[in-house]
Amino acid sequence: MSTLSNLAYIHPDAKIGSNVTIDAFAFIDRNVEIGDGTHIHPHASILSGARIGKNNEIFENAIISATPQDFRWKGEESFVVVGDNNKIREQVIINRGTEADGKTVIGNNSFILAQTHIGHDSKIGNYCVLGNAVKIAGNVEIGDYTILSSNALVHEKCHVGSWALIKGGCRVNGHVPPFAVMAHNPISYFGVNSFVLKKANKPDHIIDDIAKCYRHLYQTGTSVFNALRRIKDDVEPSEARDAIIMFIEGHDLKLAALPLRDVDDY
């Protein structure tokens, strides 16, 4: 049985699942769907186009499915799709897509801390942690199991690979390959996300191979093209190695923390 406060505004067309709690002064707009077991805290706003999955918790003053902060948006119906088992903390803002039927997507089991902003048409994977006041621009993709520490900033159209760690305050202005740690401003390669990988029971030899890949890429002074050749020749094939290669080749070699000459050498 759902618990819906008489002091909340719930549009009659909103679709509310079972065992949902909506606290006083929450605002639930038209064209909204809220899945079973979700808790909406006081003063949270769930706006038109929100599709909220099961067992989410959305805290005070969060705004889900705010209209896009983009001049291209002309009032089209678009969406924010939130999966299951997420915690979205105070004053988080998530913008919906810019095109008709476009969507911003939040996966499952992620923790989005206070004052984080997620721009239009972005995609956040599963089991991600976005620290306090993280800023993610439009058309960004964040892979599964990725951590963005507090005040990290990700520029438009950047892709951060799975299992990456972005240190606090870092400005991401290019693509970040999987398993890497990035820090400082300007952004620079800081190592392999070995602590989290070990917590996930990844074998030591796989972590060593990831480190070997990134020594070729970031620490030898060669071009990206030559680094890829060395990785293919020097590192045993594995799911992790192949993920790194496919990420680099699939992003036109435009990686964060690499000088422009490395891109031109391709």
Protein backbone atom coordinates (compact mmCIF):
# COMPACT_ATOMS: atom_id res chain seq x y z
CA MET A 1 0.00 0.00 0.00
CA SER A 2 1.36 3.41 -0.96
CA THR A 3 1.67 6.31 1.47
CA LEU A 4 0.83 9.56 -0.30
CA SER A 5 0.79 12.73 1.79
CA ASN A 6 -2.26 14.98 1.44
CA LEU A 7 0.21 17.88 1.40
CA ALA A 8 1.95 16.65 -1.75
CA TYR A 9 0.79 17.66 -5.23
CA ILE A 10 0.24 14.59 -7.39
CA HIS A 11 -1.15 15.12 -10.87
CA PRO A 12 -4.15 12.85 -11.49
CA ASP A 13 -2.53 11.47 -14.64
CA ALA A 14 0.67 10.38 -12.86
CA LYS A 15 1.16 6.62 -12.59
CA ILE A 16 2.18 5.58 -9.08
CA GLY A 17 3.23 2.00 -8.28
CA SER A 18 2.62 0.03 -5.11
CA ASN A 19 4.35 0.69 -1.78
CA VAL A 20 5.41 4.16 -2.93
CA THR A 21 5.94 6.89 -0.32
CA ILE A 22 5.46 10.51 -1.35
CA ASP A 23 6.10 12.97 1.46
CA ALA A 24 4.57 16.38 2.14
CA PHE A 25 5.27 19.18 -0.34
CA ALA A 26 6.63 16.89 -3.05
CA PHE A 27 5.51 17.80 -6.60
CA ILE A 28 4.55 15.04 -9.03
CA ASP A 29 3.77 16.36 -12.52
CA ARG A 30 1.75 14.98 -15.41
CA ASN A 31 3.31 12.31 -17.66
CA VAL A 32 5.23 10.77 -14.74
CA GLU A 33 5.66 7.13 -13.80
CA ILE A 34 7.00 6.06 -10.39
CA GLY A 35 7.81 2.40 -9.77
CA ASP A 36 7.10 0.20 -6.78
CA GLY A 37 8.82 0.86 -3.47
CA THR A 38 10.16 4.30 -4.37
CA HIS A 39 10.36 7.04 -1.73
CA ILE A 40 10.00 10.70 -2.74
CA HIS A 41 11.10 13.04 0.07
CA PRO A 42 9.62 16.48 0.88
CA HIS A 43 10.05 19.27 -1.69
CA ALA A 44 11.37 16.94 -4.40
CA SER A 45 10.01 17.70 -7.89
CA ILE A 46 9.32 14.89 -10.35
CA LEU A 47 8.50 16.68 -13.59
CA SER A 48 6.89 15.69 -16.87
CA GLY A 49 8.77 12.96 -18.70
CA ALA A 50 10.16 11.23 -15.60
CA ARG A 51 10.19 7.44 -15.63
CA ILE A 52 11.30 6.29 -12.18
CA GLY A 53 11.96 2.58 -11.59
CA LYS A 54 11.62 0.50 -8.44
CA ASN A 55 13.01 1.06 -4.95
CA ASN A 56 14.59 4.44 -5.60
CA GLU A 57 14.99 7.11 -2.93
CA ILE A 58 14.85 10.74 -4.05
CA PHE A 59 15.72 13.29 -1.40
CA GLU A 60 14.70 16.85 -0.57
CA ASN A 61 14.76 19.49 -3.33
CA ALA A 62 15.93 17.11 -6.04
CA ILE A 63 14.50 17.89 -9.51
CA ILE A 64 14.06 14.97 -11.86
CA SER A 65 13.28 15.64 -15.55
CA ALA A 66 13.92 19.37 -15.55
CA THR A 67 13.68 20.91 -19.03
CA PRO A 68 16.99 20.92 -20.95
CA GLN A 69 19.44 23.78 -20.55
CA ASP A 70 20.04 23.88 -24.28
CA PHE A 71 19.02 26.32 -27.01
CA ARG A 72 18.21 23.43 -29.35
CA TRP A 73 15.27 22.31 -27.22
CA LYS A 74 12.00 23.70 -28.59
CA GLY A 75 9.53 22.13 -26.20
CA GLU A 76 9.62 18.53 -27.47
CA GLU A 77 8.33 15.75 -25.20
CA SER A 78 11.37 13.92 -23.87
CA PHE A 79 12.32 11.85 -20.85
CA VAL A 80 14.51 11.04 -17.89
CA VAL A 81 14.64 7.30 -17.30
CA VAL A 82 15.84 6.21 -13.86
CA GLY A 83 16.42 2.50 -13.21
CA ASP A 84 16.09 0.66 -9.90
CA ASN A 85 17.67 0.94 -6.44
CA ASN A 86 19.23 4.39 -6.86
CA LYS A 87 19.74 7.01 -4.18
CA ILE A 88 19.45 10.57 -5.49
CA ARG A 89 20.38 13.05 -2.79
CA GLU A 90 19.43 16.64 -2.00
CA GLN A 91 19.32 19.31 -4.74
CA VAL A 92 20.31 16.97 -7.55
CA ILE A 93 19.08 18.21 -10.95
CA ILE A 94 18.65 15.84 -13.89
CA ASN A 95 17.65 17.36 -17.26
CA ARG A 96 15.62 15.45 -19.81
CA GLY A 97 16.52 14.92 -23.47
CA THR A 98 16.54 17.66 -26.09
CA GLU A 99 14.82 15.83 -28.97
CA ALA A 100 11.38 14.27 -29.27
CA ASP A 101 11.48 10.96 -27.39
CA GLY A 102 15.09 11.64 -26.43
CA LYS A 103 16.14 10.64 -22.95
CA THR A 104 18.63 11.05 -20.17
CA VAL A 105 19.29 7.68 -18.53
CA ILE A 106 20.33 6.72 -15.01
CA GLY A 107 21.07 3.01 -14.58
CA ASN A 108 20.63 0.83 -11.50
CA ASN A 109 22.17 0.83 -8.03
CA SER A 110 23.90 4.20 -8.32
CA PHE A 111 24.49 6.80 -5.62
CA ILE A 112 24.17 10.43 -6.75
CA LEU A 113 25.21 12.84 -4.01
CA ALA A 114 23.91 16.30 -3.17
CA GLN A 115 23.96 19.21 -5.65
CA THR A 116 25.04 17.07 -8.61
CA HIS A 117 23.79 18.17 -12.03
CA ILE A 118 23.32 15.73 -14.93
CA GLY A 119 22.76 17.42 -18.29
CA HIS A 120 20.44 16.51 -21.14
CA ASP A 121 20.81 13.25 -23.09
CA SER A 122 23.52 11.90 -20.79
CA LYS A 123 23.79 8.29 -19.73
CA ILE A 124 24.94 7.13 -16.30
CA GLY A 125 25.70 3.43 -15.96
CA ASN A 126 25.08 0.96 -13.14
CA TYR A 127 26.75 1.01 -9.72
CA CYS A 128 28.16 4.51 -10.21
CA VAL A 129 29.00 7.01 -7.47
CA LEU A 130 28.75 10.71 -8.30
CA GLY A 131 30.13 12.81 -5.46
CA ASN A 132 28.82 16.10 -4.10
CA ALA A 133 28.43 18.88 -6.68
CA VAL A 134 29.59 16.84 -9.67
CA LYS A 135 28.69 18.61 -12.92
CA ILE A 136 27.98 16.54 -16.02
CA ALA A 137 27.23 18.35 -19.27
CA GLY A 138 24.95 17.19 -22.06
CA ASN A 139 25.49 14.04 -24.14
CA VAL A 140 27.97 12.57 -21.67
CA GLU A 141 28.32 8.84 -21.05
CA ILE A 142 29.56 7.42 -17.73
CA GLY A 143 30.34 3.70 -17.68
CA ASP A 144 29.38 1.13 -15.04
CA TYR A 145 31.17 1.08 -11.65
CA THR A 146 32.67 4.52 -12.20
CA ILE A 147 33.35 7.03 -9.42
CA LEU A 148 33.38 10.78 -9.92
CA SER A 149 34.63 12.46 -6.75
CA SER A 150 33.19 15.72 -5.45
CA ASN A 151 33.26 18.77 -7.73
CA ALA A 152 34.44 16.82 -10.77
CA LEU A 153 33.31 18.40 -14.05
CA VAL A 154 32.72 16.48 -17.28
CA HIS A 155 32.51 18.45 -20.53
CA GLU A 156 29.90 17.88 -23.23
CA LYS A 157 30.10 14.67 -25.32
CA CYS A 158 32.83 13.09 -23.19
CA HIS A 159 32.77 9.37 -22.42
CA VAL A 160 34.19 8.04 -19.16
CA GLY A 161 34.76 4.29 -19.36
CA SER A 162 33.70 1.66 -16.85
CA TRP A 163 35.60 1.23 -13.57
CA ALA A 164 37.25 4.65 -13.93
CA LEU A 165 37.91 7.01 -11.02
CA ILE A 166 37.93 10.79 -11.48
CA LYS A 167 39.53 12.61 -8.56
CA GLY A 168 37.80 15.54 -6.87
CA GLY A 169 37.73 18.84 -8.75
CA CYS A 170 39.13 17.31 -11.93
CA ARG A 171 37.94 18.79 -15.27
CA VAL A 172 37.34 16.06 -17.82
CA ASN A 173 37.72 17.52 -21.32
CA GLY A 174 38.20 14.31 -23.30
CA HIS A 175 37.39 10.61 -23.19
CA VAL A 176 38.65 8.62 -20.20
CA PRO A 177 39.38 4.93 -20.89
CA PRO A 178 38.17 2.18 -18.54
CA PHE A 179 39.96 1.27 -15.29
CA ALA A 180 41.98 4.52 -15.21
CA VAL A 181 42.38 7.05 -12.40
CA MET A 182 42.49 10.69 -13.53
CA ALA A 183 43.47 13.68 -11.41
CA HIS A 184 44.69 17.29 -11.39
CA ASN A 185 43.98 20.25 -13.68
CA PRO A 186 44.87 20.05 -16.48
CA ILE A 187 43.67 16.46 -16.28
CA SER A 188 46.42 13.82 -16.13
CA TYR A 189 46.70 10.06 -15.84
CA PHE A 190 47.17 9.06 -12.19
CA GLY A 191 47.28 5.27 -12.35
CA VAL A 192 45.01 2.22 -12.43
CA ASN A 193 41.88 2.01 -10.27
CA SER A 194 43.40 -1.02 -8.55
CA PHE A 195 41.79 -0.55 -5.13
CA VAL A 196 38.25 -0.76 -6.52
CA LEU A 197 39.20 -3.54 -8.95
CA LYS A 198 40.60 -5.61 -6.07
CA LYS A 199 37.42 -4.98 -4.09
CA ALA A 200 35.58 -6.47 -7.06
CA ASN A 201 37.86 -9.54 -6.92
CA LYS A 202 39.60 -8.82 -10.21
CA PRO A 203 42.75 -11.02 -10.42
CA ASP A 204 46.13 -9.42 -9.82
CA HIS A 205 47.46 -10.48 -13.23
CA ILE A 206 44.56 -8.67 -14.95
CA ILE A 207 45.25 -5.50 -12.94
CA ASP A 208 48.94 -5.79 -13.87
CA ASP A 209 48.01 -6.12 -17.55
CA ILE A 210 45.81 -3.02 -17.32
CA ALA A 211 48.76 -1.12 -15.82
CA LYS A 212 50.97 -2.37 -18.64
CA CYS A 213 48.47 -1.09 -21.23
CA TYR A 214 48.49 2.35 -19.67
CA ARG A 215 52.27 2.49 -19.35
CA HIS A 216 52.39 2.12 -23.13
CA LEU A 217 49.66 4.71 -23.62
CA TYR A 218 50.53 7.40 -21.09
CA GLN A 219 54.10 6.90 -19.90
CA THR A 220 56.33 6.04 -22.87
CA GLY A 221 56.03 9.30 -24.81
CA THR A 222 55.03 7.52 -27.99
CA SER A 223 51.98 8.24 -30.15
CA VAL A 224 48.60 6.71 -29.44
CA PHE A 225 48.87 4.72 -32.68
CA ASN A 226 52.19 3.18 -31.62
CA ALA A 227 50.92 2.60 -28.07
CA LEU A 228 48.01 0.59 -29.45
CA ARG A 229 50.39 -1.54 -31.51
CA ARG A 230 52.53 -2.20 -28.45
CA ILE A 231 49.50 -3.10 -26.32
CA LYS A 232 48.34 -5.63 -28.92
CA ASP A 233 51.84 -7.15 -29.17
CA ASP A 234 52.88 -7.01 -25.51
CA VAL A 235 49.74 -7.70 -23.43
CA GLU A 236 47.95 -11.04 -23.37
CA PRO A 237 44.39 -10.91 -24.74
CA SER A 238 41.75 -10.57 -22.02
CA GLU A 239 38.40 -8.94 -21.56
CA ALA A 240 40.05 -5.96 -19.83
CA ARG A 241 42.79 -5.51 -22.46
CA ASP A 242 40.29 -5.78 -25.29
CA ALA A 243 37.97 -3.27 -23.58
CA ILE A 244 40.82 -0.75 -23.45
CA ILE A 245 41.70 -1.27 -27.12
CA MET A 246 38.09 -1.02 -28.28
CA PHE A 247 37.54 2.13 -26.22
CA ILE A 248 40.56 3.91 -27.66
CA GLU A 249 39.85 2.85 -31.25
CA GLY A 250 36.16 3.71 -30.88
CA HIS A 251 36.77 7.29 -29.77
CA ASP A 252 38.99 8.58 -32.56
CA LEU A 253 41.95 8.51 -30.15
CA LYS A 254 40.70 11.74 -28.57
CA LEU A 255 41.54 10.85 -24.99
CA ALA A 256 41.84 13.05 -21.95
CA ALA A 257 45.33 13.62 -20.54
CA LEU A 258 47.07 13.11 -23.90
CA PRO A 259 48.78 15.93 -25.83
CA LEU A 260 47.28 16.85 -29.18
CA ARG A 261 50.34 15.61 -31.04
CA ASP A 262 49.40 12.04 -30.04
CA VAL A 263 46.06 12.42 -31.79
CA ASP A 264 47.69 13.91 -34.88
CA ASP A 265 50.20 11.03 -35.11
CA TYR A 266 47.41 8.63 -35.97
